[in-house]
C-alpha atoms as a PDB file:
ATOM      1  CA  MET A   1      -0.191   0.266  -0.087  1.00  0.00           C
ATOM      2  CA  ASN A   2       1.218   3.207  -0.951  1.00  0.00           C
ATOM      3  CA  VAL A   3       1.200   5.786   2.005  1.00  0.00           C
ATOM      4  CA  MET A   4       1.448   9.518   0.938  1.00  0.00           C
ATOM      5  CA  THR A   5       2.510  12.300   2.921  1.00  0.00           C
ATOM      6  CA  PRO A   6       0.188  15.581   2.973  1.00  0.00           C
ATOM      7  CA  LEU A   7       1.449  18.457   0.995  1.00  0.00           C
ATOM      8  CA  PRO A   8       1.510  21.749   2.765  1.00  0.00           C
ATOM      9  CA  THR A   9      -1.680  23.377   1.461  1.00  0.00           C
ATOM     10  CA  THR A  10      -1.486  26.294  -0.628  1.00  0.00           C
ATOM     11  CA  SER A  11      -3.814  28.661  -2.606  1.00  0.00           C
ATOM     12  CA  SER A  12      -2.114  27.713  -5.755  1.00  0.00           C
ATOM     13  CA  ALA A  13      -4.334  25.898  -8.565  1.00  0.00           C
ATOM     14  CA  ALA A  14      -1.149  23.567  -9.468  1.00  0.00           C
ATOM     15  CA  THR A  15      -1.507  22.160  -5.566  1.00  0.00           C
ATOM     16  CA  ALA A  16      -3.518  19.060  -7.137  1.00  0.00           C
ATOM     17  CA  ASP A  17      -0.944  18.295  -9.907  1.00  0.00           C
ATOM     18  CA  ASP A  18       1.710  18.381  -7.332  1.00  0.00           C
ATOM     19  CA  ALA A  19      -0.047  16.108  -5.123  1.00  0.00           C
ATOM     20  CA  ALA A  20      -0.570  13.531  -8.056  1.00  0.00           C
ATOM     21  CA  PHE A  21       3.279  14.162  -8.810  1.00  0.00           C
ATOM     22  CA  VAL A  22       4.341  12.981  -5.194  1.00  0.00           C
ATOM     23  CA  ALA A  23       1.774  10.066  -5.404  1.00  0.00           C
ATOM     24  CA  SER A  24       3.479   8.399  -8.304  1.00  0.00           C
ATOM     25  CA  GLY A  25       6.591   8.401  -6.793  1.00  0.00           C
ATOM     26  CA  ALA A  26       8.592  10.464  -9.326  1.00  0.00           C
ATOM     27  CA  VAL A  27      11.833  12.135  -8.504  1.00  0.00           C
ATOM     28  CA  PRO A  28      11.769  15.869  -9.581  1.00  0.00           C
ATOM     29  CA  ARG A  29      14.263  16.704 -12.219  1.00  0.00           C
ATOM     30  CA  ARG A  30      16.246  19.921 -12.708  1.00  0.00           C
ATOM     31  CA  ARG A  31      16.349  21.358 -15.795  1.00  0.00           C
ATOM     32  CA  SER A  32      19.698  21.099 -17.623  1.00  0.00           C
ATOM     33  CA  ARG A  33      22.007  23.981 -17.510  1.00  0.00           C
ATOM     34  CA  ILE A  34      22.267  23.713 -21.399  1.00  0.00           C
ATOM     35  CA  ARG A  35      18.682  23.882 -22.077  1.00  0.00           C
ATOM     36  CA  ARG A  36      18.341  27.092 -19.837  1.00  0.00           C
ATOM     37  CA  VAL A  37      21.334  28.692 -21.796  1.00  0.00           C
ATOM     38  CA  GLY A  38      19.708  27.453 -25.072  1.00  0.00           C
ATOM     39  CA  ARG A  39      16.200  29.138 -24.049  1.00  0.00           C
ATOM     40  CA  ALA A  40      18.365  32.701 -23.107  1.00  0.00           C
ATOM     41  CA  PHE A  41      20.303  32.693 -26.309  1.00  0.00           C
ATOM     42  CA  VAL A  42      16.764  32.100 -28.642  1.00  0.00           C
ATOM     43  CA  SER A  43      15.446  34.966 -26.396  1.00  0.00           C
ATOM     44  CA  GLY A  44      18.064  37.124 -27.055  1.00  0.00           C
ATOM     45  CA  PHE A  45      17.857  36.300 -30.659  1.00  0.00           C
ATOM     46  CA  ALA A  46      14.312  37.082 -30.814  1.00  0.00           C
ATOM     47  CA  VAL A  47      14.746  40.253 -29.014  1.00  0.00           C
ATOM     48  CA  ILE A  48      17.886  41.465 -31.514  1.00  0.00           C
ATOM     49  CA  GLY A  49      15.497  40.079 -34.546  1.00  0.00           C
ATOM     50  CA  VAL A  50      12.144  42.413 -33.220  1.00  0.00           C
ATOM     51  CA  VAL A  51      14.446  45.026 -32.769  1.00  0.00           C
ATOM     52  CA  ALA A  52      16.092  45.064 -36.040  1.00  0.00           C
ATOM     53  CA  THR A  53      12.729  44.903 -37.981  1.00  0.00           C
ATOM     54  CA  GLY A  54      11.373  47.805 -36.005  1.00  0.00           C
ATOM     55  CA  ALA A  55      14.556  49.772 -37.286  1.00  0.00           C
ATOM     56  CA  VAL A  56      14.234  48.975 -40.825  1.00  0.00           C
ATOM     57  CA  ILE A  57      10.275  49.431 -40.785  1.00  0.00           C
ATOM     58  CA  THR A  58      10.893  52.972 -38.971  1.00  0.00           C
ATOM     59  CA  GLY A  59      13.806  53.937 -41.592  1.00  0.00           C
ATOM     60  CA  GLY A  60      11.817  53.116 -44.546  1.00  0.00           C
ATOM     61  CA  ILE A  61       8.955  55.421 -43.244  1.00  0.00           C
ATOM     62  CA  ILE A  62      11.560  58.295 -42.447  1.00  0.00           C
ATOM     63  CA  ASP A  63      12.862  57.741 -46.007  1.00  0.00           C
ATOM     64  CA  PHE A  64       9.496  57.772 -47.316  1.00  0.00           C
ATOM     65  CA  THR A  65       8.406  60.797 -46.099  1.00  0.00           C
ATOM     66  CA  ASN A  66      11.423  62.572 -47.145  1.00  0.00           C
ATOM     67  CA  PHE A  67      11.261  61.753 -50.493  1.00  0.00           C
ATOM     68  CA  ASP A  68       9.011  64.762 -51.376  1.00  0.00           C
ATOM     69  CA  ARG A  69       8.113  67.424 -48.778  1.00  0.00           C
ATOM     70  CA  THR A  70       6.268  69.529 -51.012  1.00  0.00           C
ATOM     71  CA  SER A  71       2.070  69.819 -51.090  1.00  0.00           C
ATOM     72  CA  GLY A  72      -0.239  71.581 -53.445  1.00  0.00           C
ATOM     73  CA  GLY A  73       0.281  72.552 -56.851  1.00  0.00           C
ATOM     74  CA  TYR A  74      -1.377  69.441 -58.098  1.00  0.00           C
ATOM     75  CA  GLU A  75      -3.039  70.995 -61.156  1.00  0.00           C
ATOM     76  CA  ALA A  76      -1.438  72.577 -64.122  1.00  0.00           C
ATOM     77  CA  PRO A  77      -0.029  75.237 -64.346  1.00  0.00           C
ATOM     78  CA  TYR A  78       1.799  73.355 -61.070  1.00  0.00           C
ATOM     79  CA  THR A  79       1.936  76.487 -58.773  1.00  0.00           C
ATOM     80  CA  GLY A  80       0.727  77.399 -55.665  1.00  0.00           C
ATOM     81  CA  TRP A  81       2.708  74.732 -54.047  1.00  0.00           C
ATOM     82  CA  THR A  82       4.734  74.964 -50.660  1.00  0.00           C
ATOM     83  CA  GLY A  83       7.363  72.837 -49.210  1.00  0.00           C
ATOM     84  CA  THR A  84      11.079  72.223 -49.920  1.00  0.00           C
ATOM     85  CA  PRO A  85      11.975  70.627 -53.774  1.00  0.00           C
ATOM     86  CA  ILE A  86      13.956  67.832 -53.991  1.00  0.00           C
ATOM     87  CA  ASP A  87      17.784  68.851 -54.056  1.00  0.00           C
ATOM     88  CA  TRP A  88      19.386  66.565 -56.452  1.00  0.00           C
ATOM     89  CA  THR A  89      22.587  67.364 -56.070  1.00  0.00           C
ATOM     90  CA  ALA A  90      22.354  66.623 -52.218  1.00  0.00           C
ATOM     91  CA  GLY A  91      23.196  63.194 -52.710  1.00  0.00           C
ATOM     92  CA  GLY A  92      25.874  62.286 -55.434  1.00  0.00           C
ATOM     93  CA  VAL A  93      26.092  62.431 -59.224  1.00  0.00           C
ATOM     94  CA  THR A  94      26.328  58.660 -61.006  1.00  0.00           C
ATOM     95  CA  GLU A  95      27.177  57.664 -64.696  1.00  0.00           C
ATOM     96  CA  GLU A  96      23.364  57.649 -65.187  1.00  0.00           C
ATOM     97  CA  GLY A  97      21.883  60.702 -63.208  1.00  0.00           C
ATOM     98  CA  PHE A  98      21.478  61.309 -59.362  1.00  0.00           C
ATOM     99  CA  ARG A  99      21.272  59.106 -56.432  1.00  0.00           C
ATOM    100  CA  ASN A 100      20.162  60.329 -52.739  1.00  0.00           C
ATOM    101  CA  ASP A 101      20.750  57.835 -50.212  1.00  0.00           C
ATOM    102  CA  GLY A 102      18.234  57.221 -47.482  1.00  0.00           C
ATOM    103  CA  LEU A 103      18.511  55.109 -44.386  1.00  0.00           C
ATOM    104  CA  VAL A 104      17.205  52.123 -46.009  1.00  0.00           C
ATOM    105  CA  ILE A 105      15.886  53.427 -49.407  1.00  0.00           C
ATOM    106  CA  ASP A 106      17.956  55.141 -52.036  1.00  0.00           C
ATOM    107  CA  THR A 107      16.209  57.186 -54.464  1.00  0.00           C
ATOM    108  CA  LEU A 108      17.880  57.101 -58.149  1.00  0.00           C
ATOM    109  CA  LEU A 109      16.943  59.633 -61.448  1.00  0.00           C
ATOM    110  CA  ASP A 110      18.237  58.638 -64.610  1.00  0.00           C
ATOM    111  CA  CYS A 111      18.724  61.864 -66.480  1.00  0.00           C
ATOM    112  CA  THR A 112      18.441  59.913 -69.928  1.00  0.00           C
ATOM    113  CA  SER A 113      15.143  58.214 -69.599  1.00  0.00           C
ATOM    114  CA  GLY A 114      13.419  60.563 -66.580  1.00  0.00           C
ATOM    115  CA  MET A 115      13.042  57.082 -64.656  1.00  0.00           C
ATOM    116  CA  ILE A 116      12.605  57.446 -60.720  1.00  0.00           C
ATOM    117  CA  SER A 117      14.103  54.102 -59.315  1.00  0.00           C
ATOM    118  CA  PHE A 118      14.359  53.033 -55.723  1.00  0.00           C
ATOM    119  CA  ASP A 119      17.341  50.940 -54.428  1.00  0.00           C
ATOM    120  CA  VAL A 120      16.261  48.917 -51.391  1.00  0.00           C
ATOM    121  CA  TYR A 121      19.378  46.937 -50.140  1.00  0.00           C
ATOM    122  CA  GLY A 122      21.030  46.706 -53.691  1.00  0.00           C
ATOM    123  CA  ILE A 123      17.491  45.711 -54.922  1.00  0.00           C
ATOM    124  CA  GLU A 124      16.531  48.487 -57.589  1.00  0.00           C
ATOM    125  CA  ILE A 125      13.030  49.049 -58.035  1.00  0.00           C
ATOM    126  CA  PRO A 126      12.099  50.824 -60.893  1.00  0.00           C
ATOM    127  CA  PHE A 127       9.162  53.329 -59.820  1.00  0.00           C
ATOM    128  CA  ARG A 128       7.834  55.654 -62.506  1.00  0.00           C
ATOM    129  CA  VAL A 129       8.940  58.312 -65.328  1.00  0.00           C
ATOM    130  CA  VAL A 130       8.850  61.840 -63.591  1.00  0.00           C
ATOM    131  CA  SER A 131       5.369  63.689 -64.215  1.00  0.00           C
ATOM    132  CA  GLU A 132       4.342  66.993 -65.109  1.00  0.00           C
ATOM    133  CA  ARG A 133       4.424  68.586 -61.383  1.00  0.00           C
ATOM    134  CA  ALA A 134       7.530  66.919 -60.972  1.00  0.00           C
ATOM    135  CA  VAL A 135       9.488  68.759 -63.666  1.00  0.00           C
ATOM    136  CA  ALA A 136       7.575  71.994 -62.669  1.00  0.00           C
ATOM    137  CA  VAL A 137       8.240  72.144 -59.171  1.00  0.00           C
ATOM    138  CA  HIS A 138      11.341  69.845 -58.791  1.00  0.00           C
ATOM    139  CA  ARG A 139      13.208  70.943 -61.534  1.00  0.00           C
ATOM    140  CA  PRO A 140      15.182  67.784 -62.590  1.00  0.00           C
ATOM    141  CA  VAL A 141      15.690  68.967 -66.280  1.00  0.00           C
ATOM    142  CA  GLU A 142      17.883  71.650 -65.145  1.00  0.00           C
ATOM    143  CA  ALA A 143      19.524  69.701 -62.190  1.00  0.00           C
ATOM    144  CA  CYS A 144      20.418  67.109 -65.031  1.00  0.00           C
ATOM    145  CA  GLU A 145      21.354  69.777 -67.622  1.00  0.00           C
ATOM    146  CA  ALA A 146      23.913  71.722 -64.814  1.00  0.00           C
ATOM    147  CA  GLU A 147      25.614  68.263 -64.291  1.00  0.00           C
ATOM    148  CA  GLY A 148      26.312  67.877 -68.102  1.00  0.00           C
ATOM    149  CA  PHE A 149      23.521  65.191 -68.947  1.00  0.00           C
ATOM    150  CA  SER A 150      21.015  65.693 -72.391  1.00  0.00           C
ATOM    151  CA  PRO A 151      17.816  64.659 -70.233  1.00  0.00           C
ATOM    152  CA  ASP A 152      15.651  63.313 -73.335  1.00  0.00           C
ATOM    153  CA  PHE A 153      12.698  62.236 -71.132  1.00  0.00           C
ATOM    154  CA  THR A 154       8.804  62.932 -71.249  1.00  0.00           C
ATOM    155  CA  PRO A 155       6.737  63.248 -68.015  1.00  0.00           C
ATOM    156  CA  THR A 156       3.975  61.263 -67.502  1.00  0.00           C
ATOM    157  CA  PRO A 157       0.961  63.209 -67.928  1.00  0.00           C
ATOM    158  CA  GLY A 158      -1.275  63.883 -64.911  1.00  0.00           C
ATOM    159  CA  ALA A 159       1.013  61.668 -62.783  1.00  0.00           C
END
């Protein structure tokens, strides 16, 4: 016959499970040190991953909001706008045109075709040809000519 010693009473919900464990005669095991260290590493890397992902998303949002800091003037003749137009020479001049580096997203302007592209960690994503408003407000044609390019691009009407 199995004699069970009574456990001290607590308000814990696990009391019945503890009693059953002791009654079974099983010997409690300690967690191995390797398992505890492994879980600490996994938790640490998970925190690093969450922080890094948050930083990349935040940098992308900052780059997106800094791309065009103008508002208004959306209808021809594109006057009455406010804000700061893009300074094409602030970044750098490449063989094809201009490159403005952001935190995550780099902006590229090809002075021959007028194509605006985004570079995200080495992956170039073509966006579109500059619009009529962009030509009037940000003046990429004049910036390209000032750097010695011969721009020959037609803005996208109404875009």
